[in-house]
Amino acid sequence: TSVTRLRVYDWPTVDGVHGGSPHLHTASTEGYVVVGGEGKLETLSGAGYREYRLAPGVVLWFTPGTVHRLVNDHDLDILVVMSNAGLPEAGDAVFTFPPEVLADPDAYAHAATLPPTTDREKLADAARERRDLAIEGYLPLRERVRSHGPIALEELYRAAAARVRDRVPEWRARWRDGP
């Protein structure tokens, strides 16, 4: 288990809210402990589309396969509690990029990887570009889940499994050896 403090992006998105990159974890459970600010968590899962208000003291926990998007209404500051420490950094997290990007391993890798630089401005620009591409795939997915229910997630789940399939042997070694 790992615990990380996270200040959620306050950059605006195309739908007028501020926040992070929608994604899911294929093998890790994640939880949030809100320590400051306000916002919400949007999720897409077998339960459909849900929104949860976030304020200091709120604790949320969700399972692998839950697409989640943090929205920062005001200075949202959380502790992220993540099972399988090290797996999210080893490719367990899959962004909700548009289907054509998810289907192409090279395009996905290019879109998901931040540049190897210490230039904070370049990193921020790349993180915004990655987040915006994830939003581009997320917004129509959210609408499909709202109108057709959880079955609308099947294409994303197939693509996510394809993106991580080759990493499973490495993950088994991480589980065995510890973070």
C-alpha atoms as a PDB file:
ATOM      1  CA  THR A   1       0.000   0.000   0.000  1.00  0.00           C
ATOM      2  CA  SER A   2       1.218   3.489  -0.775  1.00  0.00           C
ATOM      3  CA  VAL A   3       0.010   6.869   0.468  1.00  0.00           C
ATOM      4  CA  THR A   4       0.594  10.009  -1.603  1.00  0.00           C
ATOM      5  CA  ARG A   5      -0.519  13.572  -1.053  1.00  0.00           C
ATOM      6  CA  LEU A   6      -2.125  15.023  -4.174  1.00  0.00           C
ATOM      7  CA  ARG A   7      -3.177  18.541  -5.001  1.00  0.00           C
ATOM      8  CA  VAL A   8      -5.636  18.144  -7.842  1.00  0.00           C
ATOM      9  CA  TYR A   9      -5.024  20.092 -11.064  1.00  0.00           C
ATOM     10  CA  ASP A  10      -6.817  23.427 -11.133  1.00  0.00           C
ATOM     11  CA  TRP A  11      -6.515  23.704 -14.916  1.00  0.00           C
ATOM     12  CA  PRO A  12      -9.836  24.169 -16.752  1.00  0.00           C
ATOM     13  CA  THR A  13     -11.122  21.486 -19.119  1.00  0.00           C
ATOM     14  CA  VAL A  14     -13.300  21.686 -22.230  1.00  0.00           C
ATOM     15  CA  ASP A  15     -16.455  21.018 -20.183  1.00  0.00           C
ATOM     16  CA  GLY A  16     -15.787  24.001 -17.920  1.00  0.00           C
ATOM     17  CA  VAL A  17     -14.570  22.203 -14.808  1.00  0.00           C
ATOM     18  CA  HIS A  18     -11.068  22.008 -13.350  1.00  0.00           C
ATOM     19  CA  GLY A  19      -9.383  18.749 -12.571  1.00  0.00           C
ATOM     20  CA  GLY A  20      -7.395  15.689 -13.402  1.00  0.00           C
ATOM     21  CA  SER A  21      -7.042  12.962 -15.999  1.00  0.00           C
ATOM     22  CA  PRO A  22      -9.811  10.347 -16.045  1.00  0.00           C
ATOM     23  CA  HIS A  23      -8.421   6.834 -15.861  1.00  0.00           C
ATOM     24  CA  LEU A  24      -8.922   3.389 -14.379  1.00  0.00           C
ATOM     25  CA  HIS A  25      -6.683   0.878 -12.652  1.00  0.00           C
ATOM     26  CA  THR A  26      -6.737  -2.661 -13.928  1.00  0.00           C
ATOM     27  CA  ALA A  27      -5.405  -4.335 -10.770  1.00  0.00           C
ATOM     28  CA  SER A  28      -5.255  -1.769  -7.976  1.00  0.00           C
ATOM     29  CA  THR A  29      -7.831  -0.534  -5.496  1.00  0.00           C
ATOM     30  CA  GLU A  30      -7.648   3.189  -4.724  1.00  0.00           C
ATOM     31  CA  GLY A  31      -8.953   5.381  -1.943  1.00  0.00           C
ATOM     32  CA  TYR A  32      -9.096   9.094  -1.234  1.00  0.00           C
ATOM     33  CA  VAL A  33      -8.961  10.878   2.107  1.00  0.00           C
ATOM     34  CA  VAL A  34      -9.832  14.536   1.593  1.00  0.00           C
ATOM     35  CA  VAL A  35      -7.639  16.786   3.750  1.00  0.00           C
ATOM     36  CA  GLY A  36      -8.577  20.160   2.264  1.00  0.00           C
ATOM     37  CA  GLY A  37     -10.571  22.040  -0.309  1.00  0.00           C
ATOM     38  CA  GLU A  38     -13.668  20.983  -2.192  1.00  0.00           C
ATOM     39  CA  GLY A  39     -14.508  19.075  -5.326  1.00  0.00           C
ATOM     40  CA  LYS A  40     -16.105  15.921  -6.563  1.00  0.00           C
ATOM     41  CA  LEU A  41     -15.243  12.496  -7.844  1.00  0.00           C
ATOM     42  CA  GLU A  42     -16.967  11.231 -10.972  1.00  0.00           C
ATOM     43  CA  THR A  43     -16.961   7.455 -11.480  1.00  0.00           C
ATOM     44  CA  LEU A  44     -18.014   5.066 -14.226  1.00  0.00           C
ATOM     45  CA  SER A  45     -18.392   1.433 -13.150  1.00  0.00           C
ATOM     46  CA  GLY A  46     -20.794  -1.471 -12.950  1.00  0.00           C
ATOM     47  CA  ALA A  47     -22.976   0.896 -10.899  1.00  0.00           C
ATOM     48  CA  GLY A  48     -23.146   3.321 -13.833  1.00  0.00           C
ATOM     49  CA  TYR A  49     -22.257   7.002 -13.544  1.00  0.00           C
ATOM     50  CA  ARG A  50     -21.896   8.421 -10.026  1.00  0.00           C
ATOM     51  CA  GLU A  51     -20.764  11.707  -8.480  1.00  0.00           C
ATOM     52  CA  TYR A  52     -19.415  12.049  -4.943  1.00  0.00           C
ATOM     53  CA  ARG A  53     -18.915  15.396  -3.200  1.00  0.00           C
ATOM     54  CA  LEU A  54     -15.446  15.857  -1.720  1.00  0.00           C
ATOM     55  CA  ALA A  55     -14.738  17.964   1.361  1.00  0.00           C
ATOM     56  CA  PRO A  56     -12.364  17.609   4.322  1.00  0.00           C
ATOM     57  CA  GLY A  57     -12.927  14.345   6.175  1.00  0.00           C
ATOM     58  CA  VAL A  58     -14.571  12.484   3.273  1.00  0.00           C
ATOM     59  CA  VAL A  59     -13.126   9.035   2.556  1.00  0.00           C
ATOM     60  CA  LEU A  60     -13.910   7.177  -0.687  1.00  0.00           C
ATOM     61  CA  TRP A  61     -12.691   3.756  -1.815  1.00  0.00           C
ATOM     62  CA  PHE A  62     -13.126   2.161  -5.239  1.00  0.00           C
ATOM     63  CA  THR A  63     -12.151  -1.048  -6.953  1.00  0.00           C
ATOM     64  CA  PRO A  64     -10.126  -1.901 -10.069  1.00  0.00           C
ATOM     65  CA  GLY A  65     -11.963  -1.098 -13.282  1.00  0.00           C
ATOM     66  CA  THR A  66     -13.667   1.999 -11.872  1.00  0.00           C
ATOM     67  CA  VAL A  67     -13.064   4.936 -14.180  1.00  0.00           C
ATOM     68  CA  HIS A  68     -12.506   7.984 -12.000  1.00  0.00           C
ATOM     69  CA  ARG A  69     -12.132  11.701 -12.597  1.00  0.00           C
ATOM     70  CA  LEU A  70     -11.280  14.221  -9.902  1.00  0.00           C
ATOM     71  CA  VAL A  71     -12.879  17.654 -10.204  1.00  0.00           C
ATOM     72  CA  ASN A  72     -11.291  20.501  -8.266  1.00  0.00           C
ATOM     73  CA  ASP A  73     -13.826  23.122  -7.221  1.00  0.00           C
ATOM     74  CA  HIS A  74     -11.508  24.865  -4.733  1.00  0.00           C
ATOM     75  CA  ASP A  75      -7.989  23.886  -3.589  1.00  0.00           C
ATOM     76  CA  LEU A  76      -8.751  20.131  -3.507  1.00  0.00           C
ATOM     77  CA  ASP A  77      -6.074  18.357  -1.481  1.00  0.00           C
ATOM     78  CA  ILE A  78      -6.262  14.608  -0.882  1.00  0.00           C
ATOM     79  CA  LEU A  79      -4.308  11.656   0.387  1.00  0.00           C
ATOM     80  CA  VAL A  80      -4.346   8.848  -2.165  1.00  0.00           C
ATOM     81  CA  VAL A  81      -4.224   5.359  -0.649  1.00  0.00           C
ATOM     82  CA  MET A  82      -3.289   2.848  -3.332  1.00  0.00           C
ATOM     83  CA  SER A  83      -3.067  -0.914  -3.138  1.00  0.00           C
ATOM     84  CA  ASN A  84      -0.306  -2.718  -5.037  1.00  0.00           C
ATOM     85  CA  ALA A  85       2.243   0.053  -4.495  1.00  0.00           C
ATOM     86  CA  GLY A  86       4.291   0.479  -7.636  1.00  0.00           C
ATOM     87  CA  LEU A  87       1.789  -1.027 -10.094  1.00  0.00           C
ATOM     88  CA  PRO A  88       0.107   2.248 -11.076  1.00  0.00           C
ATOM     89  CA  GLU A  89       3.553   3.579 -12.006  1.00  0.00           C
ATOM     90  CA  ALA A  90       4.227   0.317 -13.891  1.00  0.00           C
ATOM     91  CA  GLY A  91       1.289   0.762 -16.251  1.00  0.00           C
ATOM     92  CA  ASP A  92      -1.707  -0.342 -14.158  1.00  0.00           C
ATOM     93  CA  ALA A  93      -3.370   3.029 -14.743  1.00  0.00           C
ATOM     94  CA  VAL A  94      -5.045   3.294 -18.164  1.00  0.00           C
ATOM     95  CA  PHE A  95      -6.219   6.680 -19.401  1.00  0.00           C
ATOM     96  CA  THR A  96      -9.600   7.148 -21.080  1.00  0.00           C
ATOM     97  CA  PHE A  97      -8.066   8.300 -24.350  1.00  0.00           C
ATOM     98  CA  PRO A  98     -10.255   8.145 -27.481  1.00  0.00           C
ATOM     99  CA  PRO A  99     -10.748   4.591 -28.808  1.00  0.00           C
ATOM    100  CA  GLU A 100      -8.342   5.014 -31.741  1.00  0.00           C
ATOM    101  CA  VAL A 101      -5.516   5.966 -29.339  1.00  0.00           C
ATOM    102  CA  LEU A 102      -6.366   3.141 -26.915  1.00  0.00           C
ATOM    103  CA  ALA A 103      -6.305   0.644 -29.794  1.00  0.00           C
ATOM    104  CA  ASP A 104      -2.812   1.606 -30.978  1.00  0.00           C
ATOM    105  CA  PRO A 105      -0.013   0.611 -28.549  1.00  0.00           C
ATOM    106  CA  ASP A 106       2.449   3.161 -29.965  1.00  0.00           C
ATOM    107  CA  ALA A 107      -0.061   6.018 -30.010  1.00  0.00           C
ATOM    108  CA  TYR A 108      -1.125   5.143 -26.462  1.00  0.00           C
ATOM    109  CA  ALA A 109       2.467   5.034 -25.178  1.00  0.00           C
ATOM    110  CA  HIS A 110       3.242   8.362 -26.846  1.00  0.00           C
ATOM    111  CA  ALA A 111       0.119  10.027 -25.402  1.00  0.00           C
ATOM    112  CA  ALA A 112       0.527   8.587 -21.890  1.00  0.00           C
ATOM    113  CA  THR A 113       4.228   9.317 -21.363  1.00  0.00           C
ATOM    114  CA  LEU A 114       5.400  12.640 -19.997  1.00  0.00           C
ATOM    115  CA  PRO A 115       8.674  13.976 -21.425  1.00  0.00           C
ATOM    116  CA  PRO A 116      11.911  13.316 -19.529  1.00  0.00           C
ATOM    117  CA  THR A 117      12.574  16.900 -18.502  1.00  0.00           C
ATOM    118  CA  THR A 118      12.932  18.907 -15.329  1.00  0.00           C
ATOM    119  CA  ASP A 119      11.446  21.984 -17.012  1.00  0.00           C
ATOM    120  CA  ARG A 120       8.285  22.483 -14.935  1.00  0.00           C
ATOM    121  CA  GLU A 121       6.533  24.476 -17.667  1.00  0.00           C
ATOM    122  CA  LYS A 122       7.139  21.761 -20.280  1.00  0.00           C
ATOM    123  CA  LEU A 123       5.950  19.084 -17.848  1.00  0.00           C
ATOM    124  CA  ALA A 124       2.809  21.074 -17.034  1.00  0.00           C
ATOM    125  CA  ASP A 125       2.055  21.582 -20.737  1.00  0.00           C
ATOM    126  CA  ALA A 126       2.525  17.851 -21.406  1.00  0.00           C
ATOM    127  CA  ALA A 127       0.368  16.908 -18.400  1.00  0.00           C
ATOM    128  CA  ARG A 128      -2.412  19.230 -19.613  1.00  0.00           C
ATOM    129  CA  GLU A 129      -2.184  17.766 -23.127  1.00  0.00           C
ATOM    130  CA  ARG A 130      -2.401  14.214 -21.715  1.00  0.00           C
ATOM    131  CA  ARG A 131      -5.291  15.182 -19.419  1.00  0.00           C
ATOM    132  CA  ASP A 132      -7.152  16.885 -22.285  1.00  0.00           C
ATOM    133  CA  LEU A 133      -6.810  13.793 -24.485  1.00  0.00           C
ATOM    134  CA  ALA A 134      -8.168  11.640 -21.635  1.00  0.00           C
ATOM    135  CA  ILE A 135     -11.093  14.085 -21.273  1.00  0.00           C
ATOM    136  CA  GLU A 136     -11.699  13.834 -25.041  1.00  0.00           C
ATOM    137  CA  GLY A 137     -12.298  10.097 -24.623  1.00  0.00           C
ATOM    138  CA  TYR A 138     -14.018  10.364 -21.245  1.00  0.00           C
ATOM    139  CA  LEU A 139     -16.842  12.791 -22.022  1.00  0.00           C
ATOM    140  CA  PRO A 140     -18.488  10.665 -24.764  1.00  0.00           C
ATOM    141  CA  LEU A 141     -17.875   7.527 -22.673  1.00  0.00           C
ATOM    142  CA  ARG A 142     -19.646   9.158 -19.723  1.00  0.00           C
ATOM    143  CA  GLU A 143     -22.610   9.987 -21.955  1.00  0.00           C
ATOM    144  CA  ARG A 144     -22.754   6.404 -23.289  1.00  0.00           C
ATOM    145  CA  VAL A 145     -22.738   5.048 -19.719  1.00  0.00           C
ATOM    146  CA  ARG A 146     -25.509   7.487 -18.769  1.00  0.00           C
ATOM    147  CA  SER A 147     -27.654   6.436 -21.732  1.00  0.00           C
ATOM    148  CA  HIS A 148     -26.813   2.710 -22.079  1.00  0.00           C
ATOM    149  CA  GLY A 149     -25.544   1.752 -18.631  1.00  0.00           C
ATOM    150  CA  PRO A 150     -22.352  -0.067 -17.660  1.00  0.00           C
ATOM    151  CA  ILE A 151     -22.308  -2.149 -20.850  1.00  0.00           C
ATOM    152  CA  ALA A 152     -20.882   0.974 -22.501  1.00  0.00           C
ATOM    153  CA  LEU A 153     -17.615   0.310 -20.638  1.00  0.00           C
ATOM    154  CA  GLU A 154     -16.892  -3.000 -22.399  1.00  0.00           C
ATOM    155  CA  GLU A 155     -14.850  -1.491 -25.256  1.00  0.00           C
ATOM    156  CA  LEU A 156     -12.715   0.478 -22.790  1.00  0.00           C
ATOM    157  CA  TYR A 157     -12.172  -2.625 -20.644  1.00  0.00           C
ATOM    158  CA  ARG A 158     -11.042  -4.665 -23.657  1.00  0.00           C
ATOM    159  CA  ALA A 159      -8.638  -1.911 -24.701  1.00  0.00           C
ATOM    160  CA  ALA A 160      -7.307  -1.515 -21.142  1.00  0.00           C
ATOM    161  CA  ALA A 161      -6.680  -5.264 -20.880  1.00  0.00           C
ATOM    162  CA  ALA A 162      -4.796  -5.176 -24.179  1.00  0.00           C
ATOM    163  CA  ARG A 163      -2.659  -2.256 -22.936  1.00  0.00           C
ATOM    164  CA  VAL A 164      -1.583  -4.075 -19.736  1.00  0.00           C
ATOM    165  CA  ARG A 165      -1.550  -7.744 -20.791  1.00  0.00           C
ATOM    166  CA  ASP A 166       2.204  -7.891 -21.453  1.00  0.00           C
ATOM    167  CA  ARG A 167       2.995  -6.278 -18.091  1.00  0.00           C
ATOM    168  CA  VAL A 168       1.406  -8.961 -15.922  1.00  0.00           C
ATOM    169  CA  PRO A 169       4.593 -11.071 -15.509  1.00  0.00           C
ATOM    170  CA  GLU A 170       6.462  -7.980 -14.269  1.00  0.00           C
ATOM    171  CA  TRP A 171       3.578  -7.202 -11.889  1.00  0.00           C
ATOM    172  CA  ARG A 172       3.709 -10.708 -10.446  1.00  0.00           C
ATOM    173  CA  ALA A 173       7.384 -10.140  -9.635  1.00  0.00           C
ATOM    174  CA  ARG A 174       6.528  -6.818  -7.965  1.00  0.00           C
ATOM    175  CA  TRP A 175       3.800  -8.472  -5.879  1.00  0.00           C
ATOM    176  CA  ARG A 176       6.168 -11.272  -4.885  1.00  0.00           C
ATOM    177  CA  ASP A 177       9.118  -9.017  -4.066  1.00  0.00           C
ATOM    178  CA  GLY A 178       7.179  -6.080  -2.580  1.00  0.00           C
ATOM    179  CA  PRO A 179       7.251  -2.417  -3.553  1.00  0.00           C
END
